[in-house]
PDB file of N, CA and C in Angstrom:
ATOM      1  N   MET A   1     112.057 117.951 103.727  1.00  0.00           N
ATOM      2  CA  MET A   1     112.262 117.030 104.816  1.00  0.00           C
ATOM      3  C   MET A   1     112.454 115.623 104.246  1.00  0.00           C
ATOM      4  N   SER A   2     113.401 114.908 104.754  1.00  0.00           N
ATOM      5  CA  SER A   2     113.703 113.563 104.276  1.00  0.00           C
ATOM      6  C   SER A   2     113.618 112.580 105.436  1.00  0.00           C
ATOM      7  N   THR A   3     112.984 111.460 105.193  1.00  0.00           N
ATOM      8  CA  THR A   3     112.879 110.407 106.189  1.00  0.00           C
ATOM      9  C   THR A   3     113.418 109.127 105.582  1.00  0.00           C
ATOM     10  N   GLU A   4     114.269 108.429 106.312  1.00  0.00           N
ATOM     11  CA  GLU A   4     114.821 107.180 105.806  1.00  0.00           C
ATOM     12  C   GLU A   4     113.888 106.030 106.162  1.00  0.00           C
ATOM     13  N   ILE A   5     113.579 105.204 105.169  1.00  0.00           N
ATOM     14  CA  ILE A   5     112.717 104.044 105.349  1.00  0.00           C
ATOM     15  C   ILE A   5     113.481 102.821 104.866  1.00  0.00           C
ATOM     16  N   LYS A   6     113.503 101.774 105.669  1.00  0.00           N
ATOM     17  CA  LYS A   6     114.165 100.528 105.268  1.00  0.00           C
ATOM     18  C   LYS A   6     113.108  99.565 104.756  1.00  0.00           C
ATOM     19  N   LEU A   7     113.209  99.227 103.470  1.00  0.00           N
ATOM     20  CA  LEU A   7     112.263  98.299 102.861  1.00  0.00           C
ATOM     21  C   LEU A   7     112.845  96.894 102.834  1.00  0.00           C
ATOM     22  N   ASN A   8     111.984  95.897 102.903  1.00  0.00           N
ATOM     23  CA  ASN A   8     112.389  94.490 102.820  1.00  0.00           C
ATOM     24  C   ASN A   8     112.359  93.997 101.379  1.00  0.00           C
ATOM     25  N   ILE A   9     112.520  94.900 100.432  1.00  0.00           N
ATOM     26  CA  ILE A   9     112.489  94.585  99.009  1.00  0.00           C
ATOM     27  C   ILE A   9     113.433  95.571  98.318  1.00  0.00           C
ATOM     28  N   SER A  10     114.027  95.145  97.248  1.00  0.00           N
ATOM     29  CA  SER A  10     114.895  96.039  96.489  1.00  0.00           C
ATOM     30  C   SER A  10     114.044  97.084  95.768  1.00  0.00           C
ATOM     31  N   LEU A  11     114.516  98.298  95.749  1.00  0.00           N
ATOM     32  CA  LEU A  11     113.780  99.347  95.024  1.00  0.00           C
ATOM     33  C   LEU A  11     113.648  99.011  93.543  1.00  0.00           C
ATOM     34  N   ASP A  12     114.561  98.213  93.017  1.00  0.00           N
ATOM     35  CA  ASP A  12     114.493  97.806  91.607  1.00  0.00           C
ATOM     36  C   ASP A  12     113.306  96.889  91.331  1.00  0.00           C
ATOM     37  N   GLU A  13     112.744  96.291  92.377  1.00  0.00           N
ATOM     38  CA  GLU A  13     111.593  95.401  92.211  1.00  0.00           C
ATOM     39  C   GLU A  13     110.262  96.150  92.213  1.00  0.00           C
ATOM     40  N   LEU A  14     110.297  97.432  92.493  1.00  0.00           N
ATOM     41  CA  LEU A  14     109.086  98.255  92.499  1.00  0.00           C
ATOM     42  C   LEU A  14     108.964  99.011  91.183  1.00  0.00           C
ATOM     43  N   ALA A  15     107.739  99.301  90.788  1.00  0.00           N
ATOM     44  CA  ALA A  15     107.512 100.093  89.577  1.00  0.00           C
ATOM     45  C   ALA A  15     107.815 101.562  89.862  1.00  0.00           C
ATOM     46  N   TRP A  16     108.536 102.197  88.953  1.00  0.00           N
ATOM     47  CA  TRP A  16     108.851 103.623  89.056  1.00  0.00           C
ATOM     48  C   TRP A  16     108.065 104.360  87.977  1.00  0.00           C
ATOM     49  N   PHE A  17     107.572 105.540  88.313  1.00  0.00           N
ATOM     50  CA  PHE A  17     106.730 106.307  87.398  1.00  0.00           C
ATOM     51  C   PHE A  17     107.309 107.698  87.184  1.00  0.00           C
ATOM     52  N   ASP A  18     107.120 108.215  85.984  1.00  0.00           N
ATOM     53  CA  ASP A  18     107.619 109.566  85.696  1.00  0.00           C
ATOM     54  C   ASP A  18     106.523 110.620  85.763  1.00  0.00           C
ATOM     55  N   ARG A  19     105.324 110.207  86.115  1.00  0.00           N
ATOM     56  CA  ARG A  19     104.210 111.136  86.347  1.00  0.00           C
ATOM     57  C   ARG A  19     103.788 111.039  87.796  1.00  0.00           C
ATOM     58  N   SER A  20     103.184 112.095  88.311  1.00  0.00           N
ATOM     59  CA  SER A  20     102.739 112.129  89.709  1.00  0.00           C
ATOM     60  C   SER A  20     101.263 112.472  89.808  1.00  0.00           C
ATOM     61  N   PRO A  21     100.384 111.580  89.355  1.00  0.00           N
ATOM     62  CA  PRO A  21      98.955 111.870  89.478  1.00  0.00           C
ATOM     63  C   PRO A  21      98.526 111.819  90.940  1.00  0.00           C
ATOM     64  N   GLU A  22      97.471 112.524  91.225  1.00  0.00           N
ATOM     65  CA  GLU A  22      96.928 112.546  92.581  1.00  0.00           C
ATOM     66  C   GLU A  22      96.183 111.246  92.874  1.00  0.00           C
ATOM     67  N   ALA A  23      96.082 110.908  94.142  1.00  0.00           N
ATOM     68  CA  ALA A  23      95.296 109.746  94.556  1.00  0.00           C
ATOM     69  C   ALA A  23      93.883 109.891  94.018  1.00  0.00           C
ATOM     70  N   GLY A  24      93.326 108.802  93.542  1.00  0.00           N
ATOM     71  CA  GLY A  24      91.998 108.820  92.938  1.00  0.00           C
ATOM     72  C   GLY A  24      92.050 108.844  91.426  1.00  0.00           C
ATOM     73  N   ASP A  25      93.137 109.305  90.847  1.00  0.00           N
ATOM     74  CA  ASP A  25      93.329 109.295  89.398  1.00  0.00           C
ATOM     75  C   ASP A  25      93.568 107.840  88.969  1.00  0.00           C
ATOM     76  N   PRO A  26      92.925 107.371  87.906  1.00  0.00           N
ATOM     77  CA  PRO A  26      93.121 105.978  87.464  1.00  0.00           C
ATOM     78  C   PRO A  26      94.582 105.628  87.151  1.00  0.00           C
ATOM     79  N   GLU A  27      95.416 106.621  86.890  1.00  0.00           N
ATOM     80  CA  GLU A  27      96.832 106.369  86.616  1.00  0.00           C
ATOM     81  C   GLU A  27      97.689 106.359  87.885  1.00  0.00           C
ATOM     82  N   CYS A  28      97.081 106.612  89.026  1.00  0.00           N
ATOM     83  CA  CYS A  28      97.815 106.610  90.294  1.00  0.00           C
ATOM     84  C   CYS A  28      97.777 105.194  90.861  1.00  0.00           C
ATOM     85  N   ILE A  29      98.710 104.348  90.408  1.00  0.00           N
ATOM     86  CA  ILE A  29      98.715 102.963  90.848  1.00  0.00           C
ATOM     87  C   ILE A  29      99.889 102.692  91.788  1.00  0.00           C
ATOM     88  N   CYS A  30      99.678 101.748  92.663  1.00  0.00           N
ATOM     89  CA  CYS A  30     100.673 101.365  93.658  1.00  0.00           C
ATOM     90  C   CYS A  30     101.846 100.665  92.970  1.00  0.00           C
ATOM     91  N   SER A  31     103.047 101.049  93.332  1.00  0.00           N
ATOM     92  CA  SER A  31     104.255 100.464  92.759  1.00  0.00           C
ATOM     93  C   SER A  31     104.464  99.015  93.176  1.00  0.00           C
ATOM     94  N   TYR A  32     103.775  98.589  94.228  1.00  0.00           N
ATOM     95  CA  TYR A  32     103.938  97.216  94.720  1.00  0.00           C
ATOM     96  C   TYR A  32     102.812  96.300  94.247  1.00  0.00           C
ATOM     97  N   CYS A  33     101.567  96.650  94.558  1.00  0.00           N
ATOM     98  CA  CYS A  33     100.453  95.744  94.244  1.00  0.00           C
ATOM     99  C   CYS A  33      99.818  96.006  92.882  1.00  0.00           C
ATOM    100  N   GLY A  34     100.006  97.189  92.329  1.00  0.00           N
ATOM    101  CA  GLY A  34      99.470  97.490  91.008  1.00  0.00           C
ATOM    102  C   GLY A  34      98.027  97.956  90.982  1.00  0.00           C
ATOM    103  N   PHE A  35      97.401  98.094  92.151  1.00  0.00           N
ATOM    104  CA  PHE A  35      96.025  98.577  92.200  1.00  0.00           C
ATOM    105  C   PHE A  35      96.000 100.101  92.292  1.00  0.00           C
ATOM    106  N   VAL A  36      94.905 100.700  91.825  1.00  0.00           N
ATOM    107  CA  VAL A  36      94.738 102.154  91.894  1.00  0.00           C
ATOM    108  C   VAL A  36      94.715 102.595  93.353  1.00  0.00           C
ATOM    109  N   ILE A  37      95.373 103.701  93.630  1.00  0.00           N
ATOM    110  CA  ILE A  37      95.362 104.283  94.968  1.00  0.00           C
ATOM    111  C   ILE A  37      94.229 105.302  95.014  1.00  0.00           C
ATOM    112  N   LEU A  38      93.234 105.038  95.838  1.00  0.00           N
ATOM    113  CA  LEU A  38      92.071 105.911  95.956  1.00  0.00           C
ATOM    114  C   LEU A  38      92.365 107.065  96.907  1.00  0.00           C
ATOM    115  N   GLU A  39      91.572 108.117  96.795  1.00  0.00           N
ATOM    116  CA  GLU A  39      91.742 109.275  97.686  1.00  0.00           C
ATOM    117  C   GLU A  39      91.645 108.880  99.152  1.00  0.00           C
ATOM    118  N   VAL A  40      90.741 107.963  99.477  1.00  0.00           N
ATOM    119  CA  VAL A  40      90.539 107.560 100.872  1.00  0.00           C
ATOM    120  C   VAL A  40      91.681 106.688 101.391  1.00  0.00           C
ATOM    121  N   ASP A  41      92.490 106.131 100.493  1.00  0.00           N
ATOM    122  CA  ASP A  41      93.584 105.247 100.890  1.00  0.00           C
ATOM    123  C   ASP A  41      94.749 106.008 101.514  1.00  0.00           C
ATOM    124  N   GLY A  42      95.050 107.190 100.992  1.00  0.00           N
ATOM    125  CA  GLY A  42      96.283 107.867 101.346  1.00  0.00           C
ATOM    126  C   GLY A  42      97.417 107.174 100.618  1.00  0.00           C
ATOM    127  N   MET A  43      98.622 107.723 100.676  1.00  0.00           N
ATOM    128  CA  MET A  43      99.735 107.065 100.008  1.00  0.00           C
ATOM    129  C   MET A  43     101.065 107.598 100.497  1.00  0.00           C
ATOM    130  N   CYS A  44     102.085 106.831 100.231  1.00  0.00           N
ATOM    131  CA  CYS A  44     103.463 107.233 100.501  1.00  0.00           C
ATOM    132  C   CYS A  44     104.152 107.374  99.144  1.00  0.00           C
ATOM    133  N   ARG A  45     104.836 108.470  98.940  1.00  0.00           N
ATOM    134  CA  ARG A  45     105.608 108.678  97.706  1.00  0.00           C
ATOM    135  C   ARG A  45     107.087 108.760  98.058  1.00  0.00           C
ATOM    136  N   MET A  46     107.898 108.129  97.236  1.00  0.00           N
ATOM    137  CA  MET A  46     109.347 108.231  97.362  1.00  0.00           C
ATOM    138  C   MET A  46     109.891 108.653  95.999  1.00  0.00           C
ATOM    139  N   PHE A  47     110.753 109.642  95.999  1.00  0.00           N
ATOM    140  CA  PHE A  47     111.245 110.208  94.748  1.00  0.00           C
ATOM    141  C   PHE A  47     112.713 109.863  94.524  1.00  0.00           C
ATOM    142  N   ARG A  48     113.065 109.664  93.259  1.00  0.00           N
ATOM    143  CA  ARG A  48     114.447 109.460  92.857  1.00  0.00           C
ATOM    144  C   ARG A  48     114.843 110.666  92.011  1.00  0.00           C
ATOM    145  N   LYS A  49     115.721 111.487  92.560  1.00  0.00           N
ATOM    146  CA  LYS A  49     116.104 112.734  91.911  1.00  0.00           C
ATOM    147  C   LYS A  49     116.872 112.522  90.611  1.00  0.00           C
ATOM    148  N   SER A  50     117.635 111.434  90.516  1.00  0.00           N
ATOM    149  CA  SER A  50     118.501 111.229  89.358  1.00  0.00           C
ATOM    150  C   SER A  50     117.739 111.186  88.034  1.00  0.00           C
ATOM    151  N   ASP A  51     116.519 110.667  88.043  1.00  0.00           N
ATOM    152  CA  ASP A  51     115.736 110.610  86.807  1.00  0.00           C
ATOM    153  C   ASP A  51     114.317 111.156  86.985  1.00  0.00           C
ATOM    154  N   ASN A  52     114.089 111.840  88.116  1.00  0.00           N
ATOM    155  CA  ASN A  52     112.799 112.489  88.389  1.00  0.00           C
ATOM    156  C   ASN A  52     111.626 111.510  88.309  1.00  0.00           C
ATOM    157  N   THR A  53     111.773 110.364  88.977  1.00  0.00           N
ATOM    158  CA  THR A  53     110.709 109.364  89.013  1.00  0.00           C
ATOM    159  C   THR A  53     110.276 109.133  90.460  1.00  0.00           C
ATOM    160  N   GLU A  54     109.172 108.420  90.611  1.00  0.00           N
ATOM    161  CA  GLU A  54     108.659 108.166  91.950  1.00  0.00           C
ATOM    162  C   GLU A  54     108.127 106.750  92.090  1.00  0.00           C
ATOM    163  N   VAL A  55     108.145 106.286  93.332  1.00  0.00           N
ATOM    164  CA  VAL A  55     107.459 105.068  93.767  1.00  0.00           C
ATOM    165  C   VAL A  55     106.312 105.554  94.625  1.00  0.00           C
ATOM    166  N   ARG A  56     105.143 104.950  94.461  1.00  0.00           N
ATOM    167  CA  ARG A  56     104.017 105.293  95.336  1.00  0.00           C
ATOM    168  C   ARG A  56     103.411 104.010  95.871  1.00  0.00           C
ATOM    169  N   LEU A  57     103.027 104.061  97.132  1.00  0.00           N
ATOM    170  CA  LEU A  57     102.550 102.869  97.821  1.00  0.00           C
ATOM    171  C   LEU A  57     101.316 103.161  98.664  1.00  0.00           C
ATOM    172  N   HIS A  58     100.388 102.191  98.663  1.00  0.00           N
ATOM    173  CA  HIS A  58      99.304 102.224  99.653  1.00  0.00           C
ATOM    174  C   HIS A  58      99.950 102.143 101.038  1.00  0.00           C
ATOM    175  N   PRO A  59      99.352 102.709 102.055  1.00  0.00           N
ATOM    176  CA  PRO A  59      99.888 102.553 103.416  1.00  0.00           C
ATOM    177  C   PRO A  59     100.012 101.063 103.810  1.00  0.00           C
ATOM    178  N   ALA A  60      99.056 100.232 103.430  1.00  0.00           N
ATOM    179  CA  ALA A  60      99.117  98.806 103.765  1.00  0.00           C
ATOM    180  C   ALA A  60     100.289  98.117 103.066  1.00  0.00           C
ATOM    181  N   CYS A  61     100.568  98.498 101.821  1.00  0.00           N
ATOM    182  CA  CYS A  61     101.708  97.922 101.105  1.00  0.00           C
ATOM    183  C   CYS A  61     103.012  98.378 101.723  1.00  0.00           C
ATOM    184  N   LEU A  62     103.089  99.636 102.112  1.00  0.00           N
ATOM    185  CA  LEU A  62     104.282 100.148 102.800  1.00  0.00           C
ATOM    186  C   LEU A  62     104.500  99.356 104.085  1.00  0.00           C
ATOM    187  N   GLN A  63     103.443  99.114 104.824  1.00  0.00           N
ATOM    188  CA  GLN A  63     103.560  98.361 106.073  1.00  0.00           C
ATOM    189  C   GLN A  63     104.053  96.937 105.813  1.00  0.00           C
ATOM    190  N   LEU A  64     103.569  96.305 104.746  1.00  0.00           N
ATOM    191  CA  LEU A  64     104.040  94.961 104.390  1.00  0.00           C
ATOM    192  C   LEU A  64     105.539  94.969 104.081  1.00  0.00           C
ATOM    193  N   LEU A  65     105.991  96.015 103.425  1.00  0.00           N
ATOM    194  CA  LEU A  65     107.373  96.070 102.974  1.00  0.00           C
ATOM    195  C   LEU A  65     108.352  96.535 104.051  1.00  0.00           C
ATOM    196  N   THR A  66     107.843  97.039 105.157  1.00  0.00           N
ATOM    197  CA  THR A  66     108.724  97.549 106.212  1.00  0.00           C
ATOM    198  C   THR A  66     108.651  96.705 107.479  1.00  0.00           C
ATOM    199  N   SER A  67     107.771  95.727 107.539  1.00  0.00           N
ATOM    200  CA  SER A  67     107.636  94.933 108.763  1.00  0.00           C
ATOM    201  C   SER A  67     108.515  93.711 108.719  1.00  0.00           C
TER     202      SER A  67
END
């Protein structure tokens, strides 16, 4: 399933990662704010198929970038 999201920032300005750790893992950091995403936070992941990388965002960061 694919959902289109319009961000108020260029995707090039976000950090892209080639690993997909679960929330709560110290390496699971937000692509926008750089803080660890905890299990209780939840998260949004966006994948780029061309190089198998992902952007991950706290729900609050996603809301900042879409409002």
